[in-house]
Amino acid sequence: MNLGKEEILEKRFLLLPLVIGKAYCLLVRRTKGEQVMRIVHPCIIALVVLGISSFVNTASSAGVTNLIVNPYFAEGIAGWTLECHDPFVKADIKADPNTKVIGNYSLFVDIREIQPGSEIWRCQPKQTGLALQGGKKYTWSFWAKAAKERQLQCQVLVDVWDWRLLGLDTSVTISTEWKEYFNTFVCTEDYSNARITWLCAHVVVDFWLDNVILYEGDYVEGLMAEQLIKKPSMVTPRSLLTSTWGRAKSEY
C-alpha cells in the first residue's frame, strides 16, 4: 500500500509515544533508587519534546512546493545566470564546494571590479521563468554570507522591459557568517516570466548564496530545499523544439 507523506508522518507520530514508553519501562526496570530516577525522568521528557518538535518541523515542510529550480546548486549553476554589464562590472558566478549550507555546493558571486558611479543593477545573479499569481502571498528565503559585511537589494520583478516590480523591493545586510534571510510579499499581478534577483553592483565584495526557496504563503522556519516538493525542471523553447524534432524523426 502506498502512503502519502502526510499519512506516513501521522503514523510515525502515533508510534512515537509507544517507542518512548517502551524505553521508559526498560529504564525503570534496570535502574533503582530515587537519585537515578531523578536523572531518568528529565531524559524521558527531553525525548518527548525532541520527538514532537521533529515531527512538527517535518510536517510543516510537507506540502510546500519550492518554485525555484536547482535551489541548492546540486546541478552547479543550472537555472541561474549572472546579469553583468561589462565594462561597468567584471564578475562571475560558479558553484563552490568549499562552503555551503546544504548539499555539495553554494553559489559564489565573484565580483572583481566595479567602475565608479555604476548603477546597482549592473550586476545581479538571478533566476527567471517563475510563474506567479497576482494577489497571492509568497515568501522568498535564502541563506547568504559575504567576504565582509555588505548589502544586497532583493527584487521580484518581470523579466522584460519595463522591469516593473511584482511586490518586493528591499535590501538586506549580510555578514561573514551563513544566515537565513526572508521576505514575504503579495504579488501584484499574474505573471509567467518573473525573476528573483539580488542587485549588487555597488561594492566590490564577494558573496555566497544557498538554499534558495520561493513558496506560497507565510514564512516557515527551518525549511531546507532538499526536503521540499520540487518544481519540475524548466522547459525552454530550445529544449522543447529539440524534443519535438526528436519525436518527429522517430515517428516518420
Protein backbone atom coordinates (compact mmCIF):
# COMPACT_ATOMS: atom_id res chain seq x y z
CA MET A 1 0.00 0.00 0.00
CA ASN A 2 1.36 3.40 -0.97
CA LEU A 3 1.04 6.07 1.70
CA GLY A 4 1.13 9.81 1.15
CA LYS A 5 3.69 11.92 3.00
CA GLU A 6 1.11 13.23 5.47
CA GLU A 7 -0.13 9.67 6.26
CA ILE A 8 3.41 8.44 6.89
CA LEU A 9 4.12 11.39 9.19
CA GLU A 10 0.89 10.75 11.10
CA LYS A 11 1.71 7.06 11.62
CA ARG A 12 5.25 7.90 12.77
CA PHE A 13 3.86 10.43 15.23
CA LEU A 14 1.37 7.93 16.64
CA LEU A 15 4.15 5.39 17.17
CA LEU A 16 6.35 7.91 18.97
CA PRO A 17 4.68 7.61 22.42
CA LEU A 18 4.85 3.79 22.20
CA VAL A 19 8.57 3.84 21.46
CA ILE A 20 9.30 6.33 24.23
CA GLY A 21 7.05 4.45 26.67
CA LYS A 22 8.86 1.18 26.00
CA ALA A 23 12.21 2.87 26.50
CA TYR A 24 10.95 4.31 29.78
CA CYS A 25 9.83 0.89 31.08
CA LEU A 26 13.21 -0.63 30.26
CA LEU A 27 14.99 2.17 32.10
CA VAL A 28 12.74 1.77 35.15
CA ARG A 29 13.42 -1.97 35.32
CA ARG A 30 17.16 -1.52 35.05
CA THR A 31 17.54 1.39 37.45
CA LYS A 32 16.95 1.57 41.19
CA GLY A 33 16.81 4.39 43.68
CA GLU A 34 15.37 7.89 43.65
CA GLN A 35 18.67 9.50 42.67
CA VAL A 36 18.83 7.53 39.44
CA MET A 37 15.16 8.22 38.66
CA ARG A 38 15.71 11.97 39.08
CA ILE A 39 18.06 11.65 36.12
CA VAL A 40 15.84 9.34 34.09
CA HIS A 41 12.65 11.45 34.26
CA PRO A 42 14.18 14.60 32.67
CA CYS A 43 15.71 12.42 29.93
CA ILE A 44 12.30 10.97 29.10
CA ILE A 45 10.75 14.45 28.96
CA ALA A 46 13.57 15.64 26.70
CA LEU A 47 12.98 12.71 24.34
CA VAL A 48 9.27 13.51 24.11
CA VAL A 49 9.93 17.20 23.38
CA LEU A 50 12.58 16.33 20.79
CA GLY A 51 10.31 13.83 19.07
CA ILE A 52 7.35 16.22 18.91
CA SER A 53 9.46 19.14 17.65
CA SER A 54 10.98 16.90 14.99
CA PHE A 55 7.51 15.85 13.88
CA VAL A 56 6.27 19.45 13.75
CA ASN A 57 9.27 20.62 11.71
CA THR A 58 8.88 17.75 9.23
CA ALA A 59 5.12 18.19 8.98
CA SER A 60 5.45 21.94 8.42
CA SER A 61 7.54 21.35 5.30
CA ALA A 62 5.12 18.74 3.93
CA GLY A 63 3.18 20.16 1.01
CA VAL A 64 5.47 23.17 0.48
CA THR A 65 6.41 23.47 -3.19
CA ASN A 66 9.61 25.31 -3.96
CA LEU A 67 9.23 27.32 -7.18
CA ILE A 68 13.00 27.64 -7.57
CA VAL A 69 14.92 25.37 -9.95
CA ASN A 70 18.21 23.96 -8.61
CA PRO A 71 17.76 25.72 -5.24
CA TYR A 72 20.86 24.38 -3.51
CA PHE A 73 23.06 24.13 -6.61
CA ALA A 74 23.23 20.34 -6.79
CA GLU A 75 23.41 20.83 -10.58
CA GLY A 76 26.04 23.56 -10.45
CA ILE A 77 24.71 26.85 -11.79
CA ALA A 78 21.99 25.30 -13.98
CA GLY A 79 18.91 27.54 -13.89
CA TRP A 80 20.94 30.53 -12.66
CA THR A 81 22.52 33.37 -14.61
CA LEU A 82 24.53 36.47 -13.82
CA GLU A 83 23.45 39.70 -15.49
CA CYS A 84 26.73 41.57 -15.67
CA HIS A 85 27.20 44.78 -17.67
CA ASP A 86 30.79 44.83 -18.89
CA PRO A 87 32.79 47.14 -18.83
CA PHE A 88 30.95 48.68 -15.87
CA VAL A 89 31.29 45.49 -13.81
CA LYS A 90 33.51 42.43 -14.07
CA ALA A 91 32.09 39.44 -12.20
CA ASP A 92 31.27 35.74 -12.49
CA ILE A 93 29.26 33.06 -10.72
CA LYS A 94 30.24 29.47 -10.04
CA ALA A 95 29.32 26.53 -7.83
CA ASP A 96 31.58 26.50 -4.77
CA PRO A 97 32.16 23.18 -2.92
CA ASN A 98 34.20 24.80 -0.14
CA THR A 99 31.36 26.46 1.77
CA LYS A 100 27.64 25.67 1.79
CA VAL A 101 24.54 25.27 3.94
CA ILE A 102 23.18 22.04 2.45
CA GLY A 103 24.19 19.73 -0.36
CA ASN A 104 27.60 19.91 -2.00
CA TYR A 105 27.73 23.46 -3.36
CA SER A 106 26.77 27.06 -2.82
CA LEU A 107 26.62 29.79 -5.47
CA PHE A 108 29.71 32.01 -5.35
CA VAL A 109 29.35 35.52 -6.78
CA ASP A 110 32.84 36.70 -7.59
CA ILE A 111 32.89 40.49 -8.05
CA ARG A 112 36.29 41.62 -9.30
CA GLU A 113 35.76 45.20 -10.46
CA ILE A 114 33.08 47.91 -10.47
CA GLN A 115 33.52 51.20 -12.30
CA PRO A 116 32.84 54.27 -10.13
CA GLY A 117 29.29 55.55 -10.49
CA SER A 118 27.90 52.23 -11.80
CA GLU A 119 24.23 51.63 -11.08
CA ILE A 120 23.47 48.85 -8.60
CA TRP A 121 21.51 46.84 -11.21
CA ARG A 122 24.54 46.37 -13.47
CA CYS A 123 25.41 43.16 -11.62
CA GLN A 124 22.76 40.70 -10.43
CA PRO A 125 22.62 36.92 -10.03
CA LYS A 126 19.09 35.85 -10.89
CA GLN A 127 16.61 33.13 -11.81
CA THR A 128 13.91 33.76 -14.38
CA GLY A 129 10.88 31.93 -15.74
CA LEU A 130 8.95 31.94 -12.45
CA ALA A 131 5.14 31.83 -12.69
CA LEU A 132 3.46 33.95 -10.01
CA GLN A 133 -0.21 34.76 -9.39
CA GLY A 134 -1.48 38.21 -8.59
CA GLY A 135 -2.99 38.65 -5.13
CA LYS A 136 -1.23 35.60 -3.68
CA LYS A 137 1.19 35.79 -0.78
CA TYR A 138 4.69 34.39 -1.34
CA THR A 139 7.79 34.00 0.82
CA TRP A 140 11.29 34.17 -0.62
CA SER A 141 14.00 32.88 1.71
CA PHE A 142 17.69 32.22 1.16
CA TRP A 143 20.93 31.76 3.05
CA ALA A 144 23.85 34.08 2.39
CA LYS A 145 27.24 35.21 3.61
CA ALA A 146 29.88 37.63 2.29
CA ALA A 147 33.63 38.17 2.38
CA LYS A 148 32.81 41.15 4.58
CA GLU A 149 29.57 42.84 5.57
CA ARG A 150 27.64 44.18 2.61
CA GLN A 151 24.11 44.88 1.34
CA LEU A 152 22.06 43.14 -1.33
CA GLN A 153 18.97 44.60 -2.99
CA CYS A 154 16.36 41.84 -3.30
CA GLN A 155 13.74 42.23 -6.03
CA VAL A 156 10.93 40.23 -7.59
CA LEU A 157 10.03 41.71 -10.99
CA VAL A 158 9.09 40.99 -14.60
CA ASP A 159 11.92 39.71 -16.78
CA VAL A 160 11.32 42.08 -19.71
CA TRP A 161 11.37 45.81 -20.19
CA ASP A 162 9.85 47.79 -18.31
CA TRP A 163 11.23 45.70 -15.43
CA ARG A 164 8.26 46.56 -13.23
CA LEU A 165 8.23 45.19 -9.72
CA LEU A 166 5.87 42.40 -8.65
CA GLY A 167 5.61 43.21 -4.97
CA LEU A 168 9.11 43.04 -3.50
CA ASP A 169 11.99 45.51 -3.47
CA THR A 170 14.02 45.52 -0.27
CA SER A 171 17.60 45.43 0.95
CA VAL A 172 19.29 43.09 3.41
CA THR A 173 22.66 43.38 5.11
CA ILE A 174 24.60 40.12 5.06
CA SER A 175 27.54 39.26 7.31
CA THR A 176 30.53 36.95 7.09
CA GLU A 177 28.58 34.05 8.63
CA TRP A 178 25.91 31.94 6.99
CA LYS A 179 22.47 33.24 7.93
CA GLU A 180 18.93 32.92 6.60
CA TYR A 181 17.11 35.95 5.17
CA PHE A 182 13.47 36.07 4.11
CA ASN A 183 10.77 38.39 2.85
CA THR A 184 7.03 37.81 2.49
CA PHE A 185 5.14 39.77 -0.17
CA VAL A 186 1.89 39.83 -2.12
CA CYS A 187 2.36 39.52 -5.87
CA THR A 188 0.83 42.48 -7.69
CA GLU A 189 -0.24 40.69 -10.90
CA ASP A 190 -0.34 37.37 -12.72
CA TYR A 191 2.96 36.89 -14.50
CA SER A 192 4.53 33.78 -16.06
CA ASN A 193 8.09 35.01 -16.52
CA ALA A 194 9.07 36.67 -13.26
CA ARG A 195 12.58 36.86 -11.88
CA ILE A 196 14.12 36.90 -8.45
CA THR A 197 17.37 38.81 -8.29
CA TRP A 198 19.98 40.26 -5.97
CA LEU A 199 21.27 43.66 -7.17
CA CYS A 200 24.86 44.02 -6.03
CA ALA A 201 26.91 46.42 -8.23
CA HIS A 202 27.63 49.00 -5.56
CA VAL A 203 30.56 47.44 -3.70
CA VAL A 204 33.39 45.05 -4.65
CA VAL A 205 32.66 42.35 -2.05
CA ASP A 206 32.17 38.68 -2.96
CA PHE A 207 29.26 36.72 -1.52
CA TRP A 208 27.68 33.28 -1.46
CA LEU A 209 24.05 32.09 -1.75
CA ASP A 210 22.44 28.77 -0.83
CA ASN A 211 19.12 27.08 0.00
CA VAL A 212 17.01 29.46 -2.10
CA ILE A 213 13.28 28.88 -1.61
CA LEU A 214 10.23 30.64 -3.07
CA TYR A 215 6.85 29.32 -1.98
CA GLU A 216 3.24 30.35 -1.43
CA GLY A 217 2.19 31.55 2.00
CA ASP A 218 3.78 32.88 5.15
CA TYR A 219 7.34 32.22 6.27
CA VAL A 220 8.02 28.73 7.65
CA GLU A 221 11.08 28.43 9.86
CA GLY A 222 13.73 25.82 9.18
CA LEU A 223 12.86 24.86 5.61
CA MET A 224 15.58 23.07 3.67
CA ALA A 225 15.22 22.87 -0.10
CA GLU A 226 16.27 19.22 -0.33
CA GLN A 227 13.24 18.22 1.80
CA LEU A 228 10.63 20.13 -0.20
CA ILE A 229 8.45 19.27 -3.17
CA LYS A 230 10.49 20.26 -6.18
CA LYS A 231 9.32 22.32 -9.10
CA PRO A 232 9.73 20.46 -12.43
CA SER A 233 12.79 21.43 -14.44
CA MET A 234 12.45 24.43 -16.70
CA VAL A 235 11.30 23.76 -20.27
CA THR A 236 12.91 26.24 -22.63
CA PRO A 237 11.78 26.85 -26.23
CA ARG A 238 15.08 25.35 -27.43
CA SER A 239 14.70 22.16 -25.40
CA LEU A 240 11.04 21.87 -26.46
CA LEU A 241 12.00 22.22 -30.13
CA THR A 242 14.73 19.59 -29.76
CA SER A 243 12.43 17.06 -28.10
CA THR A 244 9.65 17.67 -30.64
CA TRP A 245 12.08 17.26 -33.54
CA GLY A 246 13.40 14.05 -31.98
CA ARG A 247 9.89 12.60 -31.74
CA ALA A 248 9.16 13.62 -35.33
CA LYS A 249 12.24 11.87 -36.64
CA SER A 250 11.41 8.68 -34.75
CA GLU A 251 7.79 8.59 -35.96
CA TYR A 252 8.34 9.25 -39.65
